Amino acid sequence: MRVPATKSVETQVLTASQRKCCLCYYLADNRAQRKGQVAHLNKDSSNSEFQNLVWLCLEHHDEFDSKTSQSKGYTSDEIRNWRDRLYHELGADLPKTNDIVIAPNSPSPINQLSPELRNVIQQAGGTLDYLLTPWKLITWHDVRRFLFAYKASNRCDGICEVERLFLRDGRVAVICKQIPENPGNSVTNCIEQIAFQVCDRFKIDPCNLVLIDHYPTPKDFRDSDWSLVSFQRCPPDSMFEGPSWRRMNPDDWRDLGLRPRRKRGHLKIK
């Protein structure tokens, strides 16, 4: 049975999306408002709660609802990814999870839990909803070093240490340090993906990114390998592509207004 969205939920969807179709926004670079409809992500019209709804233009709504025999159609997870990214970029004020009722077969975070854990969340009255949200790195300008979880193209995601230094010319130096405890693909093998993700996470213009790949040797930090990374291509024209590494020399540090701190392999501004 089709259950129409309540007026308040419909308003939340329209307000969060600003009537922008997430597929047009990211796949066609069309940032304008679009004529469209509210679609059900899991195609279950009985579940008209906020997390299961998305604003799509008329063309993409038809494509999403239609069955294709040859070409690969849009998937629910794909659209959900673009929708959530759009909400994040637009700074949408999203409703709390305890206001959301999800259909049993929906791939919602709460339905990924076992029945016992799901019951705990539902009984907590919203106080534990933060456990259902993705892990988020909170950054401050006065805190320079973080552990940074990054996505890898081979799905073997990793962790590195990231240090940010705000240079006097407006650029941002980002030092990515390989750590022994990294469970996934190495920093060097993921440097293109890391460049993209640090720009997104720290809101850095790719043109202002100075990326340094740092591999400290276990026994003697004085022999640490500091390499300046450059790319043949980068946003907005393409993904970061064609990386090359050049071991840094004293002139490179001086050009950036930096000097190495040998003791632990950290940097500071002169």
C-alpha atoms as a PDB file:
ATOM      1  CA  MET A   1       0.000   0.000   0.000  1.00  0.00           C
ATOM      2  CA  ARG A   2       1.358   3.397  -0.959  1.00  0.00           C
ATOM      3  CA  VAL A   3       1.850   5.664   2.077  1.00  0.00           C
ATOM      4  CA  PRO A   4       2.312   9.295   0.997  1.00  0.00           C
ATOM      5  CA  ALA A   5       4.901  11.358   2.805  1.00  0.00           C
ATOM      6  CA  THR A   6       3.524  13.702   5.405  1.00  0.00           C
ATOM      7  CA  LYS A   7       3.687  17.404   4.624  1.00  0.00           C
ATOM      8  CA  SER A   8       6.462  17.899   7.200  1.00  0.00           C
ATOM      9  CA  VAL A   9       8.595  15.100   5.724  1.00  0.00           C
ATOM     10  CA  GLU A  10       7.998  16.355   2.194  1.00  0.00           C
ATOM     11  CA  THR A  11       9.053  19.829   3.314  1.00  0.00           C
ATOM     12  CA  GLN A  12      12.223  18.389   4.848  1.00  0.00           C
ATOM     13  CA  VAL A  13      13.141  16.690   1.568  1.00  0.00           C
ATOM     14  CA  LEU A  14      12.437  19.812  -0.509  1.00  0.00           C
ATOM     15  CA  THR A  15      14.308  22.051   1.900  1.00  0.00           C
ATOM     16  CA  ALA A  16      17.324  19.751   2.270  1.00  0.00           C
ATOM     17  CA  SER A  17      17.698  19.311  -1.489  1.00  0.00           C
ATOM     18  CA  GLN A  18      16.694  22.883  -2.396  1.00  0.00           C
ATOM     19  CA  ARG A  19      14.882  21.147  -5.282  1.00  0.00           C
ATOM     20  CA  LYS A  20      18.234  20.212  -6.820  1.00  0.00           C
ATOM     21  CA  CYS A  21      18.458  16.738  -8.386  1.00  0.00           C
ATOM     22  CA  CYS A  22      21.556  15.036  -6.947  1.00  0.00           C
ATOM     23  CA  LEU A  23      22.183  13.117 -10.201  1.00  0.00           C
ATOM     24  CA  CYS A  24      22.009  16.289 -12.294  1.00  0.00           C
ATOM     25  CA  TYR A  25      24.143  18.091  -9.713  1.00  0.00           C
ATOM     26  CA  TYR A  26      27.079  15.665  -9.758  1.00  0.00           C
ATOM     27  CA  LEU A  27      26.786  13.686 -12.991  1.00  0.00           C
ATOM     28  CA  ALA A  28      25.700  16.493 -15.346  1.00  0.00           C
ATOM     29  CA  ASP A  29      27.158  19.488 -13.458  1.00  0.00           C
ATOM     30  CA  ASN A  30      23.716  21.084 -13.395  1.00  0.00           C
ATOM     31  CA  ARG A  31      23.422  23.065 -10.152  1.00  0.00           C
ATOM     32  CA  ALA A  32      20.025  24.595 -10.963  1.00  0.00           C
ATOM     33  CA  GLN A  33      16.681  23.744  -9.394  1.00  0.00           C
ATOM     34  CA  ARG A  34      14.885  21.058 -11.401  1.00  0.00           C
ATOM     35  CA  LYS A  35      11.261  20.173 -11.921  1.00  0.00           C
ATOM     36  CA  GLY A  36      10.845  16.775 -10.384  1.00  0.00           C
ATOM     37  CA  GLN A  37       9.284  14.397  -7.917  1.00  0.00           C
ATOM     38  CA  VAL A  38      10.076  12.768  -4.586  1.00  0.00           C
ATOM     39  CA  ALA A  39      11.285   9.207  -5.200  1.00  0.00           C
ATOM     40  CA  HIS A  40      11.521   6.205  -2.851  1.00  0.00           C
ATOM     41  CA  LEU A  41      15.091   4.927  -2.647  1.00  0.00           C
ATOM     42  CA  ASN A  42      14.154   1.339  -1.851  1.00  0.00           C
ATOM     43  CA  LYS A  43      11.185   1.558  -4.248  1.00  0.00           C
ATOM     44  CA  ASP A  44       8.884   0.681  -1.366  1.00  0.00           C
ATOM     45  CA  SER A  45       6.055   3.216  -1.576  1.00  0.00           C
ATOM     46  CA  SER A  46       4.820   2.174   1.861  1.00  0.00           C
ATOM     47  CA  ASN A  47       7.978   3.669   3.387  1.00  0.00           C
ATOM     48  CA  SER A  48       7.687   7.429   2.975  1.00  0.00           C
ATOM     49  CA  GLU A  49      10.085   8.462   5.699  1.00  0.00           C
ATOM     50  CA  PHE A  50      12.794  11.068   5.193  1.00  0.00           C
ATOM     51  CA  GLN A  51      15.781   8.703   4.874  1.00  0.00           C
ATOM     52  CA  ASN A  52      14.026   6.721   2.154  1.00  0.00           C
ATOM     53  CA  LEU A  53      13.168   9.750   0.011  1.00  0.00           C
ATOM     54  CA  VAL A  54      15.100  11.797  -2.531  1.00  0.00           C
ATOM     55  CA  TRP A  55      14.238  14.665  -4.864  1.00  0.00           C
ATOM     56  CA  LEU A  56      14.908  13.685  -8.490  1.00  0.00           C
ATOM     57  CA  CYS A  57      14.222  15.543 -11.711  1.00  0.00           C
ATOM     58  CA  LEU A  58      11.505  14.067 -13.914  1.00  0.00           C
ATOM     59  CA  GLU A  59      13.991  12.443 -16.305  1.00  0.00           C
ATOM     60  CA  HIS A  60      16.079  10.786 -13.595  1.00  0.00           C
ATOM     61  CA  HIS A  61      12.984   9.773 -11.646  1.00  0.00           C
ATOM     62  CA  ASP A  62      11.676   7.947 -14.721  1.00  0.00           C
ATOM     63  CA  GLU A  63      15.073   6.299 -15.307  1.00  0.00           C
ATOM     64  CA  PHE A  64      15.313   5.174 -11.695  1.00  0.00           C
ATOM     65  CA  ASP A  65      11.808   3.709 -11.657  1.00  0.00           C
ATOM     66  CA  SER A  66      12.141   2.009 -15.052  1.00  0.00           C
ATOM     67  CA  LYS A  67      13.509  -1.489 -15.561  1.00  0.00           C
ATOM     68  CA  THR A  68      16.317  -1.836 -18.108  1.00  0.00           C
ATOM     69  CA  SER A  69      17.117  -5.034 -19.984  1.00  0.00           C
ATOM     70  CA  GLN A  70      20.554  -4.075 -21.314  1.00  0.00           C
ATOM     71  CA  SER A  71      22.115  -0.990 -19.721  1.00  0.00           C
ATOM     72  CA  LYS A  72      22.822  -0.766 -15.999  1.00  0.00           C
ATOM     73  CA  GLY A  73      20.238   1.398 -14.291  1.00  0.00           C
ATOM     74  CA  TYR A  74      20.773   3.703 -11.330  1.00  0.00           C
ATOM     75  CA  THR A  75      21.003   1.815  -8.034  1.00  0.00           C
ATOM     76  CA  SER A  76      19.482   2.858  -4.714  1.00  0.00           C
ATOM     77  CA  ASP A  77      22.871   2.945  -2.989  1.00  0.00           C
ATOM     78  CA  GLU A  78      24.320   5.042  -5.809  1.00  0.00           C
ATOM     79  CA  ILE A  79      21.568   7.653  -5.548  1.00  0.00           C
ATOM     80  CA  ARG A  80      21.718   7.584  -1.749  1.00  0.00           C
ATOM     81  CA  ASN A  81      25.448   8.376  -1.966  1.00  0.00           C
ATOM     82  CA  TRP A  82      24.874  11.373  -4.247  1.00  0.00           C
ATOM     83  CA  ARG A  83      21.899  12.544  -2.181  1.00  0.00           C
ATOM     84  CA  ASP A  84      23.851  12.452   1.092  1.00  0.00           C
ATOM     85  CA  ARG A  85      26.785  14.236  -0.535  1.00  0.00           C
ATOM     86  CA  LEU A  86      24.416  16.933  -1.816  1.00  0.00           C
ATOM     87  CA  TYR A  87      22.870  17.392   1.627  1.00  0.00           C
ATOM     88  CA  HIS A  88      26.359  17.731   3.111  1.00  0.00           C
ATOM     89  CA  GLU A  89      27.456  20.269   0.513  1.00  0.00           C
ATOM     90  CA  LEU A  90      24.291  22.335   0.896  1.00  0.00           C
ATOM     91  CA  GLY A  91      24.591  22.251   4.689  1.00  0.00           C
ATOM     92  CA  ALA A  92      21.148  20.739   5.097  1.00  0.00           C
ATOM     93  CA  ASP A  93      19.634  20.653   8.582  1.00  0.00           C
ATOM     94  CA  LEU A  94      18.665  16.987   8.709  1.00  0.00           C
ATOM     95  CA  PRO A  95      16.082  15.460  11.066  1.00  0.00           C
ATOM     96  CA  LYS A  96      17.253  13.239  13.888  1.00  0.00           C
ATOM     97  CA  THR A  97      17.260   9.490  13.367  1.00  0.00           C
ATOM     98  CA  ASN A  98      14.727   8.891  16.132  1.00  0.00           C
ATOM     99  CA  ASP A  99      12.178  10.782  14.006  1.00  0.00           C
ATOM    100  CA  ILE A 100      12.651   8.244  11.199  1.00  0.00           C
ATOM    101  CA  VAL A 101      10.814   4.956  10.823  1.00  0.00           C
ATOM    102  CA  ILE A 102      12.468   2.659   8.281  1.00  0.00           C
ATOM    103  CA  ALA A 103      10.812  -0.194   6.414  1.00  0.00           C
ATOM    104  CA  PRO A 104      12.150  -3.641   7.483  1.00  0.00           C
ATOM    105  CA  ASN A 105      13.978  -4.321   4.215  1.00  0.00           C
ATOM    106  CA  SER A 106      15.528  -0.878   3.864  1.00  0.00           C
ATOM    107  CA  PRO A 107      19.359  -0.740   3.836  1.00  0.00           C
ATOM    108  CA  SER A 108      19.257   1.869   6.580  1.00  0.00           C
ATOM    109  CA  PRO A 109      22.058   1.917   9.207  1.00  0.00           C
ATOM    110  CA  ILE A 110      19.590   0.940  11.922  1.00  0.00           C
ATOM    111  CA  ASN A 111      18.529  -2.121   9.926  1.00  0.00           C
ATOM    112  CA  GLN A 112      22.140  -3.234   9.652  1.00  0.00           C
ATOM    113  CA  LEU A 113      22.092  -3.866  13.408  1.00  0.00           C
ATOM    114  CA  SER A 114      21.111  -7.084  15.101  1.00  0.00           C
ATOM    115  CA  PRO A 115      17.591  -7.047  16.623  1.00  0.00           C
ATOM    116  CA  GLU A 116      19.091  -6.717  20.113  1.00  0.00           C
ATOM    117  CA  LEU A 117      21.182  -3.657  19.249  1.00  0.00           C
ATOM    118  CA  ARG A 118      18.402  -2.129  17.171  1.00  0.00           C
ATOM    119  CA  ASN A 119      16.110  -2.347  20.176  1.00  0.00           C
ATOM    120  CA  VAL A 120      18.670  -0.456  22.303  1.00  0.00           C
ATOM    121  CA  ILE A 121      18.817   2.372  19.739  1.00  0.00           C
ATOM    122  CA  GLN A 122      15.040   2.597  19.435  1.00  0.00           C
ATOM    123  CA  GLN A 123      14.536   2.632  23.201  1.00  0.00           C
ATOM    124  CA  ALA A 124      17.145   5.364  23.760  1.00  0.00           C
ATOM    125  CA  GLY A 125      14.873   8.151  22.526  1.00  0.00           C
ATOM    126  CA  GLY A 126      17.455   9.584  20.145  1.00  0.00           C
ATOM    127  CA  THR A 127      20.358   9.830  22.602  1.00  0.00           C
ATOM    128  CA  LEU A 128      22.308   7.051  20.826  1.00  0.00           C
ATOM    129  CA  ASP A 129      21.527   8.071  17.238  1.00  0.00           C
ATOM    130  CA  TYR A 130      25.096   9.303  16.768  1.00  0.00           C
ATOM    131  CA  LEU A 131      26.130   5.620  16.667  1.00  0.00           C
ATOM    132  CA  LEU A 132      24.278   5.259  13.351  1.00  0.00           C
ATOM    133  CA  THR A 133      26.056   8.130  11.589  1.00  0.00           C
ATOM    134  CA  PRO A 134      29.307   7.705   9.613  1.00  0.00           C
ATOM    135  CA  TRP A 135      32.591   8.329  11.374  1.00  0.00           C
ATOM    136  CA  LYS A 136      33.525  11.988  10.977  1.00  0.00           C
ATOM    137  CA  LEU A 137      36.857  13.707  11.411  1.00  0.00           C
ATOM    138  CA  ILE A 138      36.415  16.984  13.289  1.00  0.00           C
ATOM    139  CA  THR A 139      39.199  19.462  12.551  1.00  0.00           C
ATOM    140  CA  TRP A 140      40.345  22.770  13.981  1.00  0.00           C
ATOM    141  CA  HIS A 141      42.889  25.189  12.555  1.00  0.00           C
ATOM    142  CA  ASP A 142      44.908  25.080  15.778  1.00  0.00           C
ATOM    143  CA  VAL A 143      45.167  21.253  15.717  1.00  0.00           C
ATOM    144  CA  ARG A 144      47.518  20.239  12.940  1.00  0.00           C
ATOM    145  CA  ARG A 145      47.920  16.466  13.193  1.00  0.00           C
ATOM    146  CA  PHE A 146      45.233  13.816  12.814  1.00  0.00           C
ATOM    147  CA  LEU A 147      44.832  10.137  12.113  1.00  0.00           C
ATOM    148  CA  PHE A 148      43.143  10.091   8.721  1.00  0.00           C
ATOM    149  CA  ALA A 149      41.070   7.160   7.420  1.00  0.00           C
ATOM    150  CA  TYR A 150      41.126   7.053   3.632  1.00  0.00           C
ATOM    151  CA  LYS A 151      39.366   5.114   0.896  1.00  0.00           C
ATOM    152  CA  ALA A 152      41.418   2.989  -1.527  1.00  0.00           C
ATOM    153  CA  SER A 153      40.538   2.161  -5.126  1.00  0.00           C
ATOM    154  CA  ASN A 154      41.082  -1.553  -4.459  1.00  0.00           C
ATOM    155  CA  ARG A 155      38.690  -1.275  -1.442  1.00  0.00           C
ATOM    156  CA  CYS A 156      41.570  -2.039   0.948  1.00  0.00           C
ATOM    157  CA  ASP A 157      41.070   1.184   2.915  1.00  0.00           C
ATOM    158  CA  GLY A 158      43.848   2.481   5.131  1.00  0.00           C
ATOM    159  CA  ILE A 159      44.871   4.922   7.844  1.00  0.00           C
ATOM    160  CA  CYS A 160      47.718   7.414   7.842  1.00  0.00           C
ATOM    161  CA  GLU A 161      48.796  10.388   9.910  1.00  0.00           C
ATOM    162  CA  VAL A 162      48.015  13.745   8.347  1.00  0.00           C
ATOM    163  CA  GLU A 163      49.599  17.043   9.311  1.00  0.00           C
ATOM    164  CA  ARG A 164      48.317  20.360   7.973  1.00  0.00           C
ATOM    165  CA  LEU A 165      50.419  23.500   7.753  1.00  0.00           C
ATOM    166  CA  PHE A 166      48.909  26.765   6.573  1.00  0.00           C
ATOM    167  CA  LEU A 167      51.532  28.501   4.450  1.00  0.00           C
ATOM    168  CA  ARG A 168      51.936  32.268   4.303  1.00  0.00           C
ATOM    169  CA  ASP A 169      51.038  32.420   0.597  1.00  0.00           C
ATOM    170  CA  GLY A 170      47.593  30.892   1.223  1.00  0.00           C
ATOM    171  CA  ARG A 171      48.481  27.332   0.246  1.00  0.00           C
ATOM    172  CA  VAL A 172      48.084  24.388   2.588  1.00  0.00           C
ATOM    173  CA  ALA A 173      50.851  21.825   3.017  1.00  0.00           C
ATOM    174  CA  VAL A 174      49.473  18.394   3.848  1.00  0.00           C
ATOM    175  CA  ILE A 175      51.985  15.819   5.044  1.00  0.00           C
ATOM    176  CA  CYS A 176      50.777  12.223   4.759  1.00  0.00           C
ATOM    177  CA  LYS A 177      52.797   9.923   6.968  1.00  0.00           C
ATOM    178  CA  GLN A 178      52.728   6.162   6.622  1.00  0.00           C
ATOM    179  CA  ILE A 179      52.180   4.489  10.006  1.00  0.00           C
ATOM    180  CA  PRO A 180      53.184   0.927  10.934  1.00  0.00           C
ATOM    181  CA  GLU A 181      49.650   0.121  12.074  1.00  0.00           C
ATOM    182  CA  ASN A 182      48.098   0.904   8.691  1.00  0.00           C
ATOM    183  CA  PRO A 183      45.805  -2.074   7.951  1.00  0.00           C
ATOM    184  CA  GLY A 184      45.238  -1.247   4.282  1.00  0.00           C
ATOM    185  CA  ASN A 185      46.825  -0.049   1.085  1.00  0.00           C
ATOM    186  CA  SER A 186      49.887   2.165   1.507  1.00  0.00           C
ATOM    187  CA  VAL A 187      49.922   5.952   1.301  1.00  0.00           C
ATOM    188  CA  THR A 188      52.035   5.862  -1.865  1.00  0.00           C
ATOM    189  CA  ASN A 189      49.686   3.460  -3.636  1.00  0.00           C
ATOM    190  CA  CYS A 190      46.666   5.594  -2.704  1.00  0.00           C
ATOM    191  CA  ILE A 191      48.181   9.048  -3.134  1.00  0.00           C
ATOM    192  CA  GLU A 192      45.629  10.140  -5.785  1.00  0.00           C
ATOM    193  CA  GLN A 193      42.690   9.095  -3.631  1.00  0.00           C
ATOM    194  CA  ILE A 194      44.237  10.662  -0.515  1.00  0.00           C
ATOM    195  CA  ALA A 195      44.789  13.974  -2.337  1.00  0.00           C
ATOM    196  CA  PHE A 196      41.115  14.007  -3.324  1.00  0.00           C
ATOM    197  CA  GLN A 197      39.924  13.097   0.169  1.00  0.00           C
ATOM    198  CA  VAL A 198      42.063  15.603   2.081  1.00  0.00           C
ATOM    199  CA  CYS A 199      40.841  18.375  -0.237  1.00  0.00           C
ATOM    200  CA  ASP A 200      37.275  17.323   0.484  1.00  0.00           C
ATOM    201  CA  ARG A 201      37.720  16.822   4.224  1.00  0.00           C
ATOM    202  CA  PHE A 202      39.699  20.010   4.909  1.00  0.00           C
ATOM    203  CA  LYS A 203      37.990  22.139   2.211  1.00  0.00           C
ATOM    204  CA  ILE A 204      41.235  22.811   0.355  1.00  0.00           C
ATOM    205  CA  ASP A 205      41.223  24.181  -3.174  1.00  0.00           C
ATOM    206  CA  PRO A 206      43.198  21.575  -5.183  1.00  0.00           C
ATOM    207  CA  CYS A 207      45.241  24.421  -6.679  1.00  0.00           C
ATOM    208  CA  ASN A 208      46.393  25.350  -3.158  1.00  0.00           C
ATOM    209  CA  LEU A 209      47.344  21.824  -2.073  1.00  0.00           C
ATOM    210  CA  VAL A 210      51.004  21.051  -1.417  1.00  0.00           C
ATOM    211  CA  LEU A 211      51.169  17.315  -0.817  1.00  0.00           C
ATOM    212  CA  ILE A 212      54.161  15.717   0.916  1.00  0.00           C
ATOM    213  CA  ASP A 213      54.565  11.951   1.247  1.00  0.00           C
ATOM    214  CA  HIS A 214      56.514  11.034   4.403  1.00  0.00           C
ATOM    215  CA  TYR A 215      58.029   7.631   5.153  1.00  0.00           C
ATOM    216  CA  PRO A 216      60.014   7.655   8.412  1.00  0.00           C
ATOM    217  CA  THR A 217      62.597   4.919   8.812  1.00  0.00           C
ATOM    218  CA  PRO A 218      62.116   2.924  12.022  1.00  0.00           C
ATOM    219  CA  LYS A 219      65.648   3.327  13.423  1.00  0.00           C
ATOM    220  CA  ASP A 220      66.770   6.825  12.483  1.00  0.00           C
ATOM    221  CA  PHE A 221      64.375   9.655  11.757  1.00  0.00           C
ATOM    222  CA  ARG A 222      67.217  11.675  10.231  1.00  0.00           C
ATOM    223  CA  ASP A 223      67.027   9.369   7.229  1.00  0.00           C
ATOM    224  CA  SER A 224      63.301   9.886   6.821  1.00  0.00           C
ATOM    225  CA  ASP A 225      62.068  10.106   3.268  1.00  0.00           C
ATOM    226  CA  TRP A 226      60.157  13.336   2.573  1.00  0.00           C
ATOM    227  CA  SER A 227      58.859  13.544  -0.985  1.00  0.00           C
ATOM    228  CA  LEU A 228      57.046  16.358  -2.725  1.00  0.00           C
ATOM    229  CA  VAL A 229      54.180  14.939  -4.790  1.00  0.00           C
ATOM    230  CA  SER A 230      53.040  16.535  -8.031  1.00  0.00           C
ATOM    231  CA  PHE A 231      50.288  15.476 -10.422  1.00  0.00           C
ATOM    232  CA  GLN A 232      50.003  15.709 -14.187  1.00  0.00           C
ATOM    233  CA  ARG A 233      46.262  16.330 -13.875  1.00  0.00           C
ATOM    234  CA  CYS A 234      44.057  17.439 -11.014  1.00  0.00           C
ATOM    235  CA  PRO A 235      40.601  18.876 -10.275  1.00  0.00           C
ATOM    236  CA  PRO A 236      38.599  20.590 -11.626  1.00  0.00           C
ATOM    237  CA  ASP A 237      39.708  19.138 -14.979  1.00  0.00           C
ATOM    238  CA  SER A 238      40.051  15.545 -13.784  1.00  0.00           C
ATOM    239  CA  MET A 239      40.727  13.311 -10.831  1.00  0.00           C
ATOM    240  CA  PHE A 240      44.226  13.593  -9.394  1.00  0.00           C
ATOM    241  CA  GLU A 241      46.265  11.599 -11.926  1.00  0.00           C
ATOM    242  CA  GLY A 242      49.856  10.950 -12.940  1.00  0.00           C
ATOM    243  CA  PRO A 243      51.597  11.383  -9.572  1.00  0.00           C
ATOM    244  CA  SER A 244      55.347  11.807  -9.360  1.00  0.00           C
ATOM    245  CA  TRP A 245      57.574  11.987  -6.283  1.00  0.00           C
ATOM    246  CA  ARG A 246      60.719  14.075  -5.777  1.00  0.00           C
ATOM    247  CA  ARG A 247      62.781  13.827  -2.629  1.00  0.00           C
ATOM    248  CA  MET A 248      62.774  17.198  -0.926  1.00  0.00           C
ATOM    249  CA  ASN A 249      65.961  19.192  -0.449  1.00  0.00           C
ATOM    250  CA  PRO A 250      66.681  22.239   1.776  1.00  0.00           C
ATOM    251  CA  ASP A 251      65.661  24.639  -1.001  1.00  0.00           C
ATOM    252  CA  ASP A 252      62.240  22.993  -1.208  1.00  0.00           C
ATOM    253  CA  TRP A 253      61.683  23.514   2.508  1.00  0.00           C
ATOM    254  CA  ARG A 254      62.793  27.154   2.282  1.00  0.00           C
ATOM    255  CA  ASP A 255      60.487  27.793  -0.679  1.00  0.00           C
ATOM    256  CA  LEU A 256      57.564  26.603   1.451  1.00  0.00           C
ATOM    257  CA  GLY A 257      58.700  28.563   4.508  1.00  0.00           C
ATOM    258  CA  LEU A 258      59.184  25.301   6.411  1.00  0.00           C
ATOM    259  CA  ARG A 259      62.022  23.485   8.071  1.00  0.00           C
ATOM    260  CA  PRO A 260      62.098  19.846   9.160  1.00  0.00           C
ATOM    261  CA  ARG A 261      62.081  18.953  12.821  1.00  0.00           C
ATOM    262  CA  ARG A 262      64.334  15.916  12.765  1.00  0.00           C
ATOM    263  CA  LYS A 263      63.602  14.469  16.152  1.00  0.00           C
ATOM    264  CA  ARG A 264      60.206  12.954  15.403  1.00  0.00           C
ATOM    265  CA  GLY A 265      59.767  13.717  11.762  1.00  0.00           C
ATOM    266  CA  HIS A 266      57.327  16.602  12.290  1.00  0.00           C
ATOM    267  CA  LEU A 267      57.452  20.018  10.653  1.00  0.00           C
ATOM    268  CA  LYS A 268      57.006  23.562  11.801  1.00  0.00           C
ATOM    269  CA  ILE A 269      56.776  26.922  10.112  1.00  0.00           C
ATOM    270  CA  LYS A 270      59.881  29.064  10.331  1.00  0.00           C
END
